[in-house]
C-alpha cells in the first residue's frame, strides 16, 4: 500500500517538543516561541511588530523545526516533510528560513530562534511553550505581559577579536545598569552581585532567585573598527523565557545615543508602570555627568575595569586612566568621581599614608559636585573618608546626603552601617546593612559587614555562617583578621585561629614566633603576661591591631592602653573594638575618657546622644 502523504494541516498537528518535553498541539491551539506567538492554523506570527501572515510553506518549515526543537534537522528531512519530494532545491528551503527569520526578528549571524548548522541543516533554539489560541485573540504580547519591577544587568560577552576590549563590554553593561537605576520605580541589582555571575553558566531562574529580580538583561558586544554591534536579550526569571531581544549596530560615533536608545527600549520592554512616566524615562536621556569625548569615555571605562579588580597595581593603573580622561575632558564628572573612589580605597591595598590619599579623594569628590551637584556618589566618598578620619559629624551629614540621592550605591548603605556601628548605634547599623544586603546580596564586602554586625550583637553562629558566605564569595579572611579571630576565640576554635594567624604572618611580614605569642596570650592564662610582654617588645606596627584586640579580649587593660598612642597615630585603632562586650573593663578605665576625646567620639556623642553600651558615664566624665 502506498504511504499517504501528509498535508500542511497535518504537519502543523505534529507534536511540539520543548527540550524533550512533549506538548500536544492542534490547529485550534497556538503556542509561544521565544517572545513571539504562533498561530499555525492561521499561518500567523505575532511579534512586537504585531501580527504578520506567513506563507503556508514557510509555516510548515517552522512546524517541522518545532517538532524537533533543540535538535539538528537535516535539510533533506525538512524538504521531504514539507514538500514530500527530494527534488526541491536548497535555495527554496533557504528562502523559507530567511523569511521565517524576518518574521521572528532573528539574525543568522547571532541567532536567537533558528541556528544554521553548516553542511547539515537547521536547529530551533528558542523555547517553545503552550498557549491557547483564545488567549492570543484576547491579548497582544504587550497587553498580556506581566509587570516587571526589578532587573539585573549581567556582564556582556566580549565578541570582539581583541580580548582587550573586555573593558568595553563590561563597561557597556555597567553603564546600562547605571542608566536604568535612574528609574525610580525600577529596582536594579547592584553591579557586584550582577557581575558575580560573569563567565558562569547558571540558570536564569536561579539568578533571579539569588538576586531577587523579575528580569535579567544579557548581551554581547562586538567592536570592529569604527562599528559597534550590541546584541541584547531580556529574560523572565520566573519562566526563563525571552521577554524581548534586539540587535543594534551603529558607528562608534553614535555610541552615546545607542546607550540611551537601548536603555529606553529595555524600559518599554519591561512593560511596567514606569514606561509611562515621562520624568523617569527623561532621566535616562540626561547625560549631564557624562562626556561627549569618546576617547575620554574609553579611558574612563578602562579605568573602571581596573578599579573593579582591586589590588594595588590595578588601582594605581585606574588612577592613571581616570586622570587621562579628566585631562581630555575637564568637565567629565564620572571620571572625577571615579578618581575619588580610587584614592579612597588605595590605602587599604597599598602602603600609602591615609591622609594624603583621602585628601585627594575629597578634592576629586568636591570637584565632581561642582560639575554636577546631583552626584550622590561624591557624598558617599566624602562620608567614607570622613568616617576613617574620625570626623564623625561630617561623615553623618555626608551619608545623609548620599542616601537622599537619586541613585544610591549599596556601598553607601554598607559604609553607613559601619559608621553607625563605630558610633555605637548598633540597631540602626543592622537596618542599614540589611538594606545593602537586599540591594547587593552576593557582594563579599556586604556579607562581611553583615557578619561583623552579627558578631557585635553576640550572635556568633549567625556571624560564623555569614563570614563563611563572605569567604566563599571571595572575601579574604586575612582582611577581616581581628573580628574573625574574635569570633574563633569566642567559639574556642584554637586550631583555626592558629591557621589563620599563620597565613596572616606572611602577608604582614611577621616572624613565626608572633603566632605562638598570640595563641599564648589567648590560651595560656598563667603565662599570658609574659606572652604579651614579648609581643610588645616586637613592636611590629602592622601586627599591633591584632595585639590590641587580643589584649582587650583577655581583659589586659594596661597593655591595650599602652598600644593606643601608636594606633591613633597611624589610624590603626579599631573603633568598633572599643564597643564589643569584652571591652567593658577597658571602657570603665579612667583613661577611656581621654581616648574617646582624641578620636572625636566624646564631642560627637555630646552633640547627639551617648550609646547605650556606655553605661559608666560618671567614670568617663
Protein backbone atom coordinates (compact mmCIF):
# COMPACT_ATOMS: atom_id res chain seq x y z
CA UNK A 1 0.00 0.00 0.00
CA UNK A 2 1.31 3.44 -0.93
CA UNK A 3 2.09 5.61 2.07
CA UNK A 4 -0.36 8.50 2.29
CA UNK A 5 1.39 11.89 2.21
CA UNK A 6 0.64 14.34 4.98
CA UNK A 7 -0.76 17.71 4.01
CA UNK A 8 0.27 21.05 5.55
CA UNK A 9 -2.54 20.95 8.12
CA UNK A 10 -1.42 17.57 9.40
CA UNK A 11 2.16 18.72 9.55
CA UNK A 12 1.00 21.51 11.84
CA UNK A 13 -0.60 18.88 14.09
CA UNK A 14 2.85 17.45 14.79
CA UNK A 15 3.91 17.22 18.37
CA UNK A 16 5.88 20.15 19.78
CA UNK A 17 8.94 19.25 21.84
CA UNK A 18 10.20 21.70 24.47
CA UNK A 19 13.72 20.41 25.10
CA UNK A 20 12.40 16.86 25.37
CA UNK A 21 9.03 17.65 26.97
CA UNK A 22 6.20 16.82 24.58
CA UNK A 23 3.17 19.09 24.29
CA UNK A 24 0.22 18.10 22.10
CA UNK A 25 -0.60 20.88 19.62
CA UNK A 26 -3.51 21.17 17.18
CA UNK A 27 -4.57 23.82 14.65
CA UNK A 28 -7.01 25.04 17.30
CA UNK A 29 -4.14 25.92 19.63
CA UNK A 30 -1.29 28.34 19.29
CA UNK A 31 1.98 28.41 21.16
CA UNK A 32 4.69 30.78 22.25
CA UNK A 33 8.08 30.69 20.58
CA UNK A 34 10.62 32.88 22.37
CA UNK A 35 8.88 36.26 22.59
CA UNK A 36 6.67 35.57 19.57
CA UNK A 37 3.28 33.87 19.38
CA UNK A 38 2.50 31.37 16.66
CA UNK A 39 -0.96 30.57 15.21
CA UNK A 40 -0.31 27.62 12.87
CA UNK A 41 -3.89 27.26 11.62
CA UNK A 42 -3.96 30.91 10.56
CA UNK A 43 -0.35 30.92 9.32
CA UNK A 44 0.22 33.89 11.59
CA UNK A 45 3.19 35.05 13.70
CA UNK A 46 2.57 37.72 16.33
CA UNK A 47 5.67 39.66 17.41
CA UNK A 48 6.31 43.06 18.95
CA UNK A 49 5.59 44.49 15.49
CA UNK A 50 2.10 42.99 15.59
CA UNK A 51 0.52 40.05 13.68
CA UNK A 52 2.05 39.03 10.34
CA UNK A 53 0.69 36.45 7.89
CA UNK A 54 3.18 33.83 6.79
CA UNK A 55 3.28 31.80 3.59
CA UNK A 56 1.87 28.30 4.26
CA UNK A 57 5.09 26.53 3.25
CA UNK A 58 7.09 28.86 5.49
CA UNK A 59 4.83 27.96 8.42
CA UNK A 60 5.24 24.27 7.55
CA UNK A 61 9.03 24.63 7.74
CA UNK A 62 8.67 26.24 11.16
CA UNK A 63 6.41 23.43 12.39
CA UNK A 64 8.92 20.79 11.33
CA UNK A 65 11.64 22.60 13.28
CA UNK A 66 9.29 22.96 16.26
CA UNK A 67 8.66 19.22 16.18
CA UNK A 68 12.39 18.68 16.76
CA UNK A 69 13.08 21.72 18.95
CA UNK A 70 16.66 21.75 20.18
CA UNK A 71 17.76 19.11 17.66
CA UNK A 72 19.54 19.50 14.34
CA UNK A 73 17.13 18.71 11.49
CA UNK A 74 18.85 17.77 8.20
CA UNK A 75 17.89 19.87 5.19
CA UNK A 76 16.81 16.73 3.33
CA UNK A 77 14.39 15.80 6.10
CA UNK A 78 12.79 19.26 6.16
CA UNK A 79 12.36 19.22 2.38
CA UNK A 80 10.85 15.73 2.45
CA UNK A 81 8.44 16.53 5.33
CA UNK A 82 7.21 19.80 3.79
CA UNK A 83 7.29 19.16 0.02
CA UNK A 84 7.16 15.32 0.09
CA UNK A 85 9.84 15.11 -2.57
CA UNK A 86 13.59 15.30 -2.84
CA UNK A 87 13.54 17.46 -5.96
CA UNK A 88 13.14 20.81 -4.18
CA UNK A 89 16.36 22.84 -4.28
CA UNK A 90 18.25 24.04 -1.21
CA UNK A 91 17.60 27.61 -2.35
CA UNK A 92 13.86 27.17 -1.83
CA UNK A 93 14.39 25.98 1.75
CA UNK A 94 16.92 28.75 2.39
CA UNK A 95 14.34 31.31 1.23
CA UNK A 96 11.73 29.91 3.65
CA UNK A 97 14.18 30.03 6.56
CA UNK A 98 15.17 33.58 5.62
CA UNK A 99 11.51 34.66 5.63
CA UNK A 100 10.98 32.94 8.97
CA UNK A 101 13.88 34.84 10.46
CA UNK A 102 12.45 38.07 9.16
CA UNK A 103 9.04 37.40 10.72
CA UNK A 104 10.62 36.33 14.01
CA UNK A 105 13.08 39.24 14.14
CA UNK A 106 16.01 36.81 14.07
CA UNK A 107 19.56 37.19 12.75
CA UNK A 108 21.54 34.36 11.16
CA UNK A 109 24.84 35.77 12.48
CA UNK A 110 23.68 35.84 16.11
CA UNK A 111 20.57 33.65 16.09
CA UNK A 112 18.00 33.55 18.86
CA UNK A 113 15.45 31.36 17.07
CA UNK A 114 16.88 29.37 14.17
CA UNK A 115 20.51 28.32 14.07
CA UNK A 116 22.18 27.20 10.85
CA UNK A 117 24.27 24.05 11.27
CA UNK A 118 26.84 24.23 8.43
CA UNK A 119 26.64 21.37 5.91
CA UNK A 120 23.83 19.73 7.91
CA UNK A 121 20.64 21.69 8.42
CA UNK A 122 18.87 23.87 10.95
CA UNK A 123 18.08 23.82 14.67
CA UNK A 124 15.35 25.64 16.57
CA UNK A 125 16.99 27.12 19.67
CA UNK A 126 14.17 29.30 21.05
CA UNK A 127 11.97 27.98 23.86
CA UNK A 128 8.56 26.56 22.87
CA UNK A 129 5.64 26.75 25.31
CA UNK A 130 1.94 26.01 25.12
CA UNK A 131 -0.63 28.80 24.78
CA UNK A 132 -4.33 28.53 23.98
CA UNK A 133 -5.44 30.30 20.80
CA UNK A 134 -8.24 32.16 22.59
CA UNK A 135 -5.60 33.84 24.79
CA UNK A 136 -3.86 35.06 21.66
CA UNK A 137 -7.07 36.50 20.29
CA UNK A 138 -7.85 38.31 23.52
CA UNK A 139 -4.46 39.82 24.22
CA UNK A 140 -1.50 41.14 22.31
CA UNK A 141 2.01 40.47 23.66
CA UNK A 142 2.18 43.90 25.26
CA UNK A 143 -1.23 43.54 26.89
CA UNK A 144 -0.61 40.12 28.39
CA UNK A 145 2.87 40.79 29.72
CA UNK A 146 3.35 40.82 33.49
CA UNK A 147 4.69 43.78 35.39
CA UNK A 148 8.45 43.69 35.91
CA UNK A 149 9.68 45.82 38.80
CA UNK A 150 13.28 44.67 39.15
CA UNK A 151 16.17 43.76 36.88
CA UNK A 152 19.77 42.58 36.92
CA UNK A 153 22.18 43.54 34.14
CA UNK A 154 24.69 40.72 33.68
CA UNK A 155 28.15 41.36 32.19
CA UNK A 156 28.03 41.49 28.40
CA UNK A 157 30.11 38.95 26.49
CA UNK A 158 33.07 40.38 24.57
CA UNK A 159 32.86 39.05 20.99
CA UNK A 160 35.50 41.44 19.65
CA UNK A 161 38.59 39.92 18.07
CA UNK A 162 40.74 41.63 20.69
CA UNK A 163 40.32 40.32 24.25
CA UNK A 164 41.50 43.72 25.48
CA UNK A 165 38.01 45.01 24.66
CA UNK A 166 36.64 43.19 27.71
CA UNK A 167 36.69 46.55 29.49
CA UNK A 168 34.31 47.83 26.82
CA UNK A 169 31.76 45.01 27.14
CA UNK A 170 31.88 45.17 30.95
CA UNK A 171 31.59 48.94 30.81
CA UNK A 172 28.61 48.79 28.48
CA UNK A 173 26.71 46.57 30.92
CA UNK A 174 27.67 48.73 33.89
CA UNK A 175 26.65 51.95 32.15
CA UNK A 176 23.27 50.44 31.23
CA UNK A 177 22.87 49.40 34.85
CA UNK A 178 23.54 52.99 35.96
CA UNK A 179 21.10 54.44 33.42
CA UNK A 180 18.34 52.00 34.41
CA UNK A 181 18.93 52.76 38.09
CA UNK A 182 17.71 56.30 37.39
CA UNK A 183 14.19 54.91 37.00
CA UNK A 184 12.73 55.41 40.46
CA UNK A 185 10.17 52.57 40.24
CA UNK A 186 12.69 50.04 38.93
CA UNK A 187 14.87 48.08 41.35
CA UNK A 188 18.25 47.35 39.76
CA UNK A 189 20.58 44.73 41.24
CA UNK A 190 23.96 46.16 42.20
CA UNK A 191 26.97 45.70 39.97
CA UNK A 192 28.84 43.50 42.44
CA UNK A 193 26.01 40.98 42.63
CA UNK A 194 25.22 41.01 38.91
CA UNK A 195 28.88 40.65 37.88
CA UNK A 196 29.33 37.76 40.31
CA UNK A 197 27.75 35.60 37.59
CA UNK A 198 30.28 36.60 34.94
CA UNK A 199 31.51 33.59 32.91
CA UNK A 200 29.23 31.28 34.90
CA UNK A 201 26.70 29.03 33.20
CA UNK A 202 23.87 29.50 35.70
CA UNK A 203 20.16 29.03 35.05
CA UNK A 204 18.40 32.39 34.69
CA UNK A 205 15.77 31.31 37.20
CA UNK A 206 18.42 30.64 39.82
CA UNK A 207 19.99 34.05 39.17
CA UNK A 208 16.59 35.65 39.62
CA UNK A 209 16.06 33.83 42.89
CA UNK A 210 19.53 34.71 44.19
CA UNK A 211 19.32 38.39 43.28
CA UNK A 212 15.60 38.81 43.92
CA UNK A 213 14.82 40.24 40.46
CA UNK A 214 12.00 39.70 37.95
CA UNK A 215 14.10 40.04 34.81
CA UNK A 216 17.69 39.67 33.63
CA UNK A 217 19.38 41.52 30.79
CA UNK A 218 22.12 39.66 28.92
CA UNK A 219 24.06 40.68 25.87
CA UNK A 220 27.20 40.74 23.81
CA UNK A 221 29.36 43.45 22.27
CA UNK A 222 31.40 43.24 19.09
CA UNK A 223 33.70 46.19 18.44
CA UNK A 224 35.12 46.14 14.90
CA UNK A 225 36.90 49.16 13.50
CA UNK A 226 34.52 52.09 13.66
CA UNK A 227 31.44 49.92 14.21
CA UNK A 228 29.90 48.53 17.38
CA UNK A 229 27.34 45.73 17.36
CA UNK A 230 25.33 45.04 20.51
CA UNK A 231 23.01 42.05 20.89
CA UNK A 232 20.68 42.07 23.88
CA UNK A 233 18.04 39.80 25.34
CA UNK A 234 15.74 40.33 28.28
CA UNK A 235 14.59 37.21 30.13
CA UNK A 236 11.86 36.48 32.66
CA UNK A 237 13.47 34.92 35.74
CA UNK A 238 10.30 33.06 36.72
CA UNK A 239 9.87 31.19 33.44
CA UNK A 240 13.29 31.59 31.86
CA UNK A 241 11.57 32.78 28.66
CA UNK A 242 12.55 35.71 26.49
CA UNK A 243 10.71 38.97 27.11
CA UNK A 244 12.46 40.95 24.42
CA UNK A 245 15.58 40.89 22.29
CA UNK A 246 17.21 43.23 19.82
CA UNK A 247 20.41 43.78 17.85
CA UNK A 248 21.92 47.22 17.42
CA UNK A 249 24.71 48.06 15.00
CA UNK A 250 25.93 51.61 14.66
CA UNK A 251 29.06 53.66 14.09
CA UNK A 252 31.09 54.10 17.25
CA UNK A 253 30.49 57.85 16.94
CA UNK A 254 26.81 57.20 17.78
CA UNK A 255 27.65 55.15 20.85
CA UNK A 256 26.16 57.52 23.43
CA UNK A 257 22.88 57.78 21.51
CA UNK A 258 22.89 54.00 21.27
CA UNK A 259 23.14 53.65 25.06
CA UNK A 260 20.12 55.89 25.55
CA UNK A 261 18.13 54.14 22.81
CA UNK A 262 18.89 50.73 24.28
CA UNK A 263 18.01 51.79 27.84
CA UNK A 264 14.70 53.22 26.68
CA UNK A 265 13.90 50.05 24.73
CA UNK A 266 14.57 47.93 27.82
CA UNK A 267 12.26 50.07 29.95
CA UNK A 268 9.50 49.78 27.37
CA UNK A 269 10.05 46.04 27.08
CA UNK A 270 9.58 45.64 30.82
CA UNK A 271 6.05 46.98 30.25
CA UNK A 272 5.54 48.17 33.81
CA UNK A 273 4.01 51.41 35.03
CA UNK A 274 7.38 53.09 34.71
CA UNK A 275 7.17 53.09 30.92
CA UNK A 276 4.58 55.83 31.02
CA UNK A 277 6.43 58.12 33.40
CA UNK A 278 7.98 60.83 31.24
CA UNK A 279 10.04 62.25 34.09
CA UNK A 280 11.73 58.91 34.72
CA UNK A 281 12.42 57.99 31.12
CA UNK A 282 13.73 61.51 30.63
CA UNK A 283 16.27 60.75 33.35
CA UNK A 284 17.81 58.16 31.05
CA UNK A 285 18.42 60.80 28.40
CA UNK A 286 20.13 63.11 30.88
CA UNK A 287 23.88 62.79 30.33
CA UNK A 288 24.91 65.89 32.29
CA UNK A 289 27.53 63.92 34.19
CA UNK A 290 28.93 62.19 31.12
CA UNK A 291 31.14 63.31 28.26
CA UNK A 292 30.87 63.83 24.52
CA UNK A 293 34.53 62.84 24.06
CA UNK A 294 34.53 59.14 23.16
CA UNK A 295 38.26 58.75 23.79
CA UNK A 296 37.82 60.17 27.30
CA UNK A 297 34.93 57.77 27.76
CA UNK A 298 37.06 54.78 26.71
CA UNK A 299 39.78 55.81 29.17
CA UNK A 300 37.11 56.04 31.86
CA UNK A 301 35.77 52.54 31.07
CA UNK A 302 39.29 51.12 31.13
CA UNK A 303 39.88 52.78 34.49
CA UNK A 304 36.68 51.32 35.96
CA UNK A 305 37.64 47.88 34.67
CA UNK A 306 40.94 48.00 36.58
CA UNK A 307 39.45 49.65 39.68
CA UNK A 308 36.89 46.85 40.00
CA UNK A 309 39.70 44.29 40.01
CA UNK A 310 41.06 45.82 43.23
CA UNK A 311 44.66 45.24 44.34
CA UNK A 312 47.41 47.86 44.47
CA UNK A 313 48.57 47.64 40.84
CA UNK A 314 45.09 47.72 39.25
CA UNK A 315 44.02 50.66 41.43
CA UNK A 316 47.15 52.65 40.55
CA UNK A 317 46.58 51.88 36.87
CA UNK A 318 42.96 53.03 37.16
CA UNK A 319 44.08 56.34 38.67
CA UNK A 320 46.32 56.99 35.66
CA UNK A 321 43.48 56.22 33.24
CA UNK A 322 40.97 58.39 35.11
CA UNK A 323 43.50 61.22 35.17
CA UNK A 324 43.92 60.93 31.40
CA UNK A 325 40.13 61.02 30.96
CA UNK A 326 39.89 64.15 33.14
CA UNK A 327 42.69 65.77 31.15
CA UNK A 328 40.83 65.19 27.87
CA UNK A 329 37.55 66.47 29.31
CA UNK A 330 37.89 68.59 32.44
CA UNK A 331 34.10 68.60 32.90
CA UNK A 332 33.75 64.79 32.83
CA UNK A 333 32.01 64.29 36.19
CA UNK A 334 32.03 60.49 36.12
CA UNK A 335 35.80 60.40 35.69
CA UNK A 336 36.29 62.76 38.63
CA UNK A 337 34.12 60.70 40.97
CA UNK A 338 35.85 57.51 39.81
CA UNK A 339 39.19 59.11 40.68
CA UNK A 340 37.81 59.98 44.12
CA UNK A 341 36.75 56.36 44.67
CA UNK A 342 40.15 55.05 43.59
CA UNK A 343 42.05 57.29 46.01
CA UNK A 344 39.62 56.47 48.84
CA UNK A 345 40.33 52.72 48.64
CA UNK A 346 44.04 52.86 47.73
CA UNK A 347 45.33 52.97 51.37
CA UNK A 348 43.57 49.65 52.05
CA UNK A 349 45.55 47.91 49.29
CA UNK A 350 48.89 49.72 49.40
CA UNK A 351 51.31 51.09 51.97
CA UNK A 352 50.15 54.63 51.25
CA UNK A 353 49.60 57.15 54.07
CA UNK A 354 45.90 57.54 54.72
CA UNK A 355 45.64 61.32 55.00
CA UNK A 356 47.17 62.29 51.60
CA UNK A 357 45.06 59.71 49.75
CA UNK A 358 41.89 60.79 51.49
CA UNK A 359 42.68 64.44 50.83
CA UNK A 360 42.95 63.71 47.09
CA UNK A 361 39.75 61.66 47.24
CA UNK A 362 37.91 64.55 48.87
CA UNK A 363 39.20 67.06 46.35
CA UNK A 364 38.03 64.99 43.38
CA UNK A 365 34.67 64.33 45.05
CA UNK A 366 34.16 68.05 45.66
CA UNK A 367 35.16 68.83 42.08
CA UNK A 368 32.57 66.35 40.78
CA UNK A 369 29.91 68.10 42.88
CA UNK A 370 30.94 71.44 41.38
CA UNK A 371 30.34 69.91 37.95
CA UNK A 372 27.05 68.24 38.91
CA UNK A 373 25.62 68.67 42.41
CA UNK A 374 23.30 65.66 41.96
CA UNK A 375 26.09 63.08 42.06
CA UNK A 376 25.28 61.19 45.26
CA UNK A 377 28.39 59.00 44.90
CA UNK A 378 30.52 62.05 45.68
CA UNK A 379 28.78 62.39 49.04
CA UNK A 380 29.41 58.68 49.66
CA UNK A 381 33.15 59.17 49.12
CA UNK A 382 33.19 62.24 51.37
CA UNK A 383 31.33 60.30 54.06
CA UNK A 384 33.64 57.29 53.76
CA UNK A 385 36.83 59.35 54.06
CA UNK A 386 35.44 61.46 56.91
CA UNK A 387 34.49 58.30 58.79
CA UNK A 388 38.01 56.90 58.57
CA UNK A 389 39.46 60.26 59.59
CA UNK A 390 37.16 60.18 62.65
CA UNK A 391 35.31 63.30 61.52
CA UNK A 392 32.02 61.92 62.81
CA UNK A 393 29.63 64.84 62.36
CA UNK A 394 30.85 65.49 58.83
CA UNK A 395 30.55 61.79 57.97
CA UNK A 396 26.99 61.65 59.30
CA UNK A 397 26.00 64.68 57.26
CA UNK A 398 27.53 63.32 54.04
CA UNK A 399 25.93 59.89 54.50
CA UNK A 400 22.53 61.56 54.83
CA UNK A 401 23.13 63.48 51.61
CA UNK A 402 24.31 60.35 49.82
CA UNK A 403 21.19 58.42 50.83
CA UNK A 404 18.94 61.22 49.59
CA UNK A 405 20.34 60.93 46.06
CA UNK A 406 18.53 59.63 43.01
CA UNK A 407 20.87 56.68 42.59
CA UNK A 408 22.06 55.17 45.88
CA UNK A 409 25.01 52.80 45.67
CA UNK A 410 24.69 49.81 48.05
CA UNK A 411 28.14 50.80 49.32
CA UNK A 412 26.55 53.90 50.84
CA UNK A 413 24.30 51.72 53.00
CA UNK A 414 27.16 49.31 53.76
CA UNK A 415 29.52 52.08 54.88
CA UNK A 416 26.78 53.89 56.76
CA UNK A 417 26.16 50.65 58.65
CA UNK A 418 29.86 50.62 59.53
CA UNK A 419 29.68 54.26 60.66
CA UNK A 420 26.67 53.58 62.88
CA UNK A 421 28.44 50.61 64.41
CA UNK A 422 31.53 52.73 65.11
CA UNK A 423 29.47 55.34 66.96
CA UNK A 424 27.55 52.72 68.95
CA UNK A 425 24.21 52.83 67.07
CA UNK A 426 24.03 49.07 66.57
CA UNK A 427 20.27 48.79 65.94
CA UNK A 428 20.40 51.38 63.17
CA UNK A 429 23.53 49.71 61.83
CA UNK A 430 21.61 46.45 61.43
CA UNK A 431 18.87 48.24 59.47
CA UNK A 432 21.36 49.78 57.05
CA UNK A 433 23.34 46.62 56.36
CA UNK A 434 20.12 44.72 55.66
CA UNK A 435 19.20 47.37 53.07
CA UNK A 436 22.64 46.93 51.48
CA UNK A 437 22.20 43.16 51.53
CA UNK A 438 18.82 43.45 49.80
CA UNK A 439 20.41 45.55 47.03
CA UNK A 440 23.64 43.56 46.72
CA UNK A 441 23.12 40.03 48.12
CA UNK A 442 26.25 38.40 46.70
CA UNK A 443 28.69 41.20 47.46
CA UNK A 444 31.58 39.79 49.54
CA UNK A 445 32.00 43.10 51.37
CA UNK A 446 28.30 43.41 52.23
CA UNK A 447 28.21 39.84 53.52
CA UNK A 448 31.33 40.51 55.62
CA UNK A 449 29.78 43.61 57.15
CA UNK A 450 26.59 41.67 57.93
CA UNK A 451 28.73 39.02 59.64
CA UNK A 452 30.55 41.68 61.65
CA UNK A 453 27.21 43.16 62.71
CA UNK A 454 26.05 39.77 63.96
CA UNK A 455 29.37 39.44 65.82
CA UNK A 456 28.83 42.77 67.57
CA UNK A 457 25.33 41.63 68.55
CA UNK A 458 26.78 38.47 70.09
CA UNK A 459 25.06 36.24 67.51
CA UNK A 460 28.13 34.07 66.98
CA UNK A 461 26.51 31.25 64.99
CA UNK A 462 24.96 33.70 62.52
CA UNK A 463 28.25 35.61 62.33
CA UNK A 464 30.14 32.40 61.60
CA UNK A 465 27.71 31.42 58.84
CA UNK A 466 27.90 34.88 57.27
CA UNK A 467 31.72 35.00 57.45
CA UNK A 468 31.75 31.65 55.63
CA UNK A 469 29.48 33.09 52.94
CA UNK A 470 31.68 36.18 52.53
CA UNK A 471 34.75 33.97 52.17
CA UNK A 472 33.02 31.74 49.60
CA UNK A 473 32.17 34.85 47.61
CA UNK A 474 35.83 35.89 47.53
CA UNK A 475 36.43 37.94 50.67
CA UNK A 476 39.93 37.39 52.09
CA UNK A 477 39.83 36.22 55.69
CA UNK A 478 43.10 37.99 56.35
CA UNK A 479 41.26 41.22 55.54
CA UNK A 480 38.85 40.57 58.44
CA UNK A 481 41.54 39.36 60.78
CA UNK A 482 40.61 40.98 64.11
CA UNK A 483 36.85 40.31 64.02
CA UNK A 484 37.28 36.77 62.73
CA UNK A 485 39.86 35.94 65.41
CA UNK A 486 37.42 37.33 67.98
CA UNK A 487 34.72 35.02 66.63
CA UNK A 488 37.02 31.97 66.59
CA UNK A 489 38.14 32.64 70.12
CA UNK A 490 34.63 33.15 71.40
CA UNK A 491 33.83 29.72 69.93
CA UNK A 492 37.05 28.16 71.36
CA UNK A 493 38.39 27.18 67.91
CA UNK A 494 42.10 27.40 68.72
CA UNK A 495 43.38 25.34 65.78
CA UNK A 496 41.58 27.55 63.24
CA UNK A 497 42.91 30.65 65.00
CA UNK A 498 46.46 29.34 64.69
CA UNK A 499 45.98 28.50 61.00
CA UNK A 500 44.54 31.94 60.24
CA UNK A 501 47.36 33.72 62.05
CA UNK A 502 49.87 31.53 60.24
CA UNK A 503 48.52 32.67 56.87
CA UNK A 504 48.43 36.26 58.04
CA UNK A 505 52.02 36.43 59.30
CA UNK A 506 53.28 36.05 55.72
CA UNK A 507 51.09 38.90 54.48
CA UNK A 508 52.19 41.16 57.32
CA UNK A 509 55.84 40.14 57.15
CA UNK A 510 55.90 38.97 60.76
CA UNK A 511 58.21 36.47 62.46
CA UNK A 512 56.97 32.89 63.05
CA UNK A 513 57.12 33.40 66.81
CA UNK A 514 54.39 36.04 66.50
CA UNK A 515 51.71 33.35 66.00
CA UNK A 516 52.80 31.38 69.07
CA UNK A 517 52.77 34.51 71.20
CA UNK A 518 49.23 35.46 70.15
CA UNK A 519 48.00 31.92 70.79
CA UNK A 520 49.77 32.03 74.15
CA UNK A 521 48.04 35.26 75.08
CA UNK A 522 44.64 33.82 74.23
CA UNK A 523 45.01 30.33 75.69
CA UNK A 524 47.61 30.32 78.49
CA UNK A 525 46.25 32.22 81.47
CA UNK A 526 49.35 31.51 83.58
CA UNK A 527 51.85 32.76 81.02
CA UNK A 528 49.67 35.45 79.46
CA UNK A 529 51.61 38.39 80.91
CA UNK A 530 54.92 37.06 79.56
CA UNK A 531 53.46 36.47 76.11
CA UNK A 532 52.06 40.00 76.00
CA UNK A 533 55.37 41.47 77.12
CA UNK A 534 57.18 39.60 74.33
CA UNK A 535 54.65 40.83 71.78
CA UNK A 536 55.10 44.42 72.89
CA UNK A 537 58.87 44.08 72.62
CA UNK A 538 58.47 43.03 68.96
CA UNK A 539 56.62 46.31 68.29
CA UNK A 540 55.75 45.38 64.73
CA UNK A 541 53.40 48.14 63.67
CA UNK A 542 51.29 46.05 61.27
CA UNK A 543 50.59 43.47 63.96
CA UNK A 544 49.56 45.94 66.65
CA UNK A 545 45.80 45.95 65.84
CA UNK A 546 45.66 42.21 66.50
CA UNK A 547 47.59 42.57 69.76
CA UNK A 548 45.24 45.40 70.79
CA UNK A 549 42.11 43.30 70.21
CA UNK A 550 43.70 40.30 71.94
CA UNK A 551 44.58 42.48 74.95
CA UNK A 552 41.01 43.72 75.21
CA UNK A 553 39.65 40.20 74.89
CA UNK A 554 41.76 38.87 77.77
CA UNK A 555 40.99 41.96 79.91
CA UNK A 556 44.60 43.23 79.94
CA UNK A 557 43.62 46.88 80.05
CA UNK A 558 47.10 48.28 80.70
CA UNK A 559 48.60 46.59 77.63
CA UNK A 560 45.70 47.77 75.48
CA UNK A 561 46.15 51.38 76.58
CA UNK A 562 49.90 51.10 76.05
CA UNK A 563 49.18 50.49 72.35
CA UNK A 564 46.68 53.31 71.94
CA UNK A 565 49.14 56.11 71.07
CA UNK A 566 50.71 54.22 68.18
CA UNK A 567 47.37 53.02 66.86
CA UNK A 568 45.90 56.52 66.89
CA UNK A 569 48.94 57.98 65.16
CA UNK A 570 48.78 55.51 62.25
CA UNK A 571 44.97 55.33 62.13
CA UNK A 572 45.16 51.66 63.06
CA UNK A 573 42.86 51.85 66.07
CA UNK A 574 39.76 49.67 65.67
CA UNK A 575 36.97 51.93 66.89
CA UNK A 576 34.48 49.06 66.85
CA UNK A 577 36.74 47.04 69.15
CA UNK A 578 36.15 49.70 71.81
CA UNK A 579 32.46 48.81 71.91
CA UNK A 580 32.47 44.99 71.98
CA UNK A 581 31.11 43.35 75.17
CA UNK A 582 34.61 42.07 76.03
CA UNK A 583 35.83 45.70 76.26
CA UNK A 584 33.70 46.57 79.30
CA UNK A 585 36.71 46.74 81.63
CA UNK A 586 38.57 48.84 79.05
CA UNK A 587 35.66 51.30 78.81
CA UNK A 588 35.42 51.53 82.61
CA UNK A 589 39.03 52.70 82.91
CA UNK A 590 39.61 56.42 83.54
CA UNK A 591 41.91 56.56 80.51
CA UNK A 592 38.99 55.75 78.21
CA UNK A 593 37.71 59.32 78.60
CA UNK A 594 40.89 60.75 77.09
CA UNK A 595 40.85 58.15 74.31
CA UNK A 596 37.35 58.95 73.05
CA UNK A 597 38.17 62.65 73.15
CA UNK A 598 41.25 62.10 71.00
CA UNK A 599 39.26 60.21 68.35
CA UNK A 600 36.40 62.73 68.41
CA UNK A 601 33.72 60.44 69.79
CA UNK A 602 33.23 62.36 73.04
CA UNK A 603 32.24 65.59 71.27
CA UNK A 604 30.11 63.70 68.76
CA UNK A 605 28.19 61.86 71.48
CA UNK A 606 27.78 65.07 73.47
CA UNK A 607 26.19 66.75 70.43
CA UNK A 608 23.97 63.76 69.57
CA UNK A 609 23.44 61.07 72.20
CA UNK A 610 25.56 58.62 74.09
CA UNK A 611 25.27 54.98 73.04
CA UNK A 612 23.54 52.56 75.38
CA UNK A 613 26.68 50.44 75.75
CA UNK A 614 28.47 53.29 77.55
CA UNK A 615 26.94 52.62 80.97
CA UNK A 616 29.54 54.14 83.31
CA UNK A 617 29.13 57.78 82.29
CA UNK A 618 30.20 59.08 85.69
CA UNK A 619 33.62 57.49 85.36
CA UNK A 620 34.39 58.91 81.96
CA UNK A 621 33.08 62.39 82.74
